[in-house]
Amino acid sequence: MSAAMFFAFVAFTMLVAFKKDWLAAPIGTGVTSVGIPVGLGLIALAIVLTGIYVIRANTVFDRQMTEILKDARQ
């Protein structure tokens, strides 16, 4: 998940650095540019990946931590 987020941010940064004209291209009648939905998609990706991590941490990782602590007390 960290790698996916890292590569998404690097790709977005590279787009900003090297394809400004593409990101600035208007969508439809020119109300907004391509960069706005791309940026919102990046934010949505971060939220989704965070949600996946939280679900996994609250199920798998908490169970493993409980077992580790139980073994450490014995």
C-alpha atoms as a PDB file:
ATOM      1  CA  MET A   1       0.000   0.000   0.000  1.00  0.00           C
ATOM      2  CA  SER A   2       2.878   2.328   0.781  1.00  0.00           C
ATOM      3  CA  ALA A   3       4.466   1.570  -2.567  1.00  0.00           C
ATOM      4  CA  ALA A   4       1.193   2.225  -4.397  1.00  0.00           C
ATOM      5  CA  MET A   5       0.803   5.595  -2.677  1.00  0.00           C
ATOM      6  CA  PHE A   6       4.443   6.479  -3.280  1.00  0.00           C
ATOM      7  CA  PHE A   7       4.265   5.707  -7.001  1.00  0.00           C
ATOM      8  CA  ALA A   8       0.961   7.562  -7.362  1.00  0.00           C
ATOM      9  CA  PHE A   9       2.441  10.708  -5.787  1.00  0.00           C
ATOM     10  CA  VAL A  10       5.628  10.414  -7.847  1.00  0.00           C
ATOM     11  CA  ALA A  11       3.577   9.990 -11.028  1.00  0.00           C
ATOM     12  CA  PHE A  12       1.481  13.042 -10.166  1.00  0.00           C
ATOM     13  CA  THR A  13       4.602  15.073  -9.400  1.00  0.00           C
ATOM     14  CA  MET A  14       6.134  14.005 -12.717  1.00  0.00           C
ATOM     15  CA  LEU A  15       2.959  15.049 -14.505  1.00  0.00           C
ATOM     16  CA  VAL A  16       3.126  18.451 -12.863  1.00  0.00           C
ATOM     17  CA  ALA A  17       6.807  18.774 -13.730  1.00  0.00           C
ATOM     18  CA  PHE A  18       6.746  17.545 -17.317  1.00  0.00           C
ATOM     19  CA  LYS A  19       3.156  17.660 -18.610  1.00  0.00           C
ATOM     20  CA  LYS A  20       1.784  20.932 -17.268  1.00  0.00           C
ATOM     21  CA  ASP A  21       0.002  21.595 -20.548  1.00  0.00           C
ATOM     22  CA  TRP A  22      -1.862  18.272 -20.328  1.00  0.00           C
ATOM     23  CA  LEU A  23      -2.958  18.888 -16.739  1.00  0.00           C
ATOM     24  CA  ALA A  24      -4.036  22.415 -17.647  1.00  0.00           C
ATOM     25  CA  ALA A  25      -6.132  21.247 -20.620  1.00  0.00           C
ATOM     26  CA  PRO A  26      -9.783  22.163 -20.132  1.00  0.00           C
ATOM     27  CA  ILE A  27     -12.460  19.525 -19.778  1.00  0.00           C
ATOM     28  CA  GLY A  28     -15.571  20.115 -21.819  1.00  0.00           C
ATOM     29  CA  THR A  29     -16.387  23.804 -22.197  1.00  0.00           C
ATOM     30  CA  GLY A  30     -13.405  24.842 -20.114  1.00  0.00           C
ATOM     31  CA  VAL A  31     -14.951  25.021 -16.663  1.00  0.00           C
ATOM     32  CA  THR A  32     -12.229  22.892 -15.086  1.00  0.00           C
ATOM     33  CA  SER A  33      -8.931  21.345 -16.122  1.00  0.00           C
ATOM     34  CA  VAL A  34      -7.756  17.737 -16.291  1.00  0.00           C
ATOM     35  CA  GLY A  35      -5.576  18.315 -13.229  1.00  0.00           C
ATOM     36  CA  ILE A  36      -8.540  18.744 -10.884  1.00  0.00           C
ATOM     37  CA  PRO A  37      -9.992  15.216 -11.287  1.00  0.00           C
ATOM     38  CA  VAL A  38      -6.483  13.732 -11.335  1.00  0.00           C
ATOM     39  CA  GLY A  39      -5.679  15.468  -8.037  1.00  0.00           C
ATOM     40  CA  LEU A  40      -9.017  14.443  -6.528  1.00  0.00           C
ATOM     41  CA  GLY A  41      -8.347  10.882  -7.653  1.00  0.00           C
ATOM     42  CA  LEU A  42      -5.025  10.972  -5.827  1.00  0.00           C
ATOM     43  CA  ILE A  43      -6.755  12.148  -2.665  1.00  0.00           C
ATOM     44  CA  ALA A  44      -9.414   9.432  -3.065  1.00  0.00           C
ATOM     45  CA  LEU A  45      -6.685   6.817  -3.508  1.00  0.00           C
ATOM     46  CA  ALA A  46      -5.067   7.945  -0.260  1.00  0.00           C
ATOM     47  CA  ILE A  47      -8.403   7.698   1.575  1.00  0.00           C
ATOM     48  CA  VAL A  48      -9.146   4.225   0.173  1.00  0.00           C
ATOM     49  CA  LEU A  49      -5.677   2.897   0.998  1.00  0.00           C
ATOM     50  CA  THR A  50      -5.946   4.325   4.511  1.00  0.00           C
ATOM     51  CA  GLY A  51      -9.312   2.596   4.954  1.00  0.00           C
ATOM     52  CA  ILE A  52      -7.870  -0.714   3.782  1.00  0.00           C
ATOM     53  CA  TYR A  53      -4.997  -0.366   6.230  1.00  0.00           C
ATOM     54  CA  VAL A  54      -7.305   0.482   9.136  1.00  0.00           C
ATOM     55  CA  ILE A  55      -9.527  -2.521   8.435  1.00  0.00           C
ATOM     56  CA  ARG A  56      -6.503  -4.798   8.215  1.00  0.00           C
ATOM     57  CA  ALA A  57      -4.924  -3.325  11.342  1.00  0.00           C
ATOM     58  CA  ASN A  58      -8.122  -3.740  13.347  1.00  0.00           C
ATOM     59  CA  THR A  59      -8.576  -7.376  12.329  1.00  0.00           C
ATOM     60  CA  VAL A  60      -5.313  -9.143  11.534  1.00  0.00           C
ATOM     61  CA  PHE A  61      -2.729  -7.018  13.314  1.00  0.00           C
ATOM     62  CA  ASP A  62      -4.708  -6.604  16.549  1.00  0.00           C
ATOM     63  CA  ARG A  63      -5.209 -10.365  16.740  1.00  0.00           C
ATOM     64  CA  GLN A  64      -1.499 -10.970  16.215  1.00  0.00           C
ATOM     65  CA  MET A  65      -0.586  -8.374  18.858  1.00  0.00           C
ATOM     66  CA  THR A  66      -2.930 -10.014  21.367  1.00  0.00           C
ATOM     67  CA  GLU A  67      -1.288 -13.382  20.759  1.00  0.00           C
ATOM     68  CA  ILE A  68       2.204 -11.887  21.102  1.00  0.00           C
ATOM     69  CA  LEU A  69       1.319 -10.188  24.382  1.00  0.00           C
ATOM     70  CA  LYS A  70      -0.315 -13.354  25.708  1.00  0.00           C
ATOM     71  CA  ASP A  71       2.841 -15.360  24.902  1.00  0.00           C
ATOM     72  CA  ALA A  72       5.062 -12.690  26.480  1.00  0.00           C
ATOM     73  CA  ARG A  73       3.143 -12.809  29.781  1.00  0.00           C
ATOM     74  CA  GLN A  74       3.602 -16.574  30.157  1.00  0.00           C
END
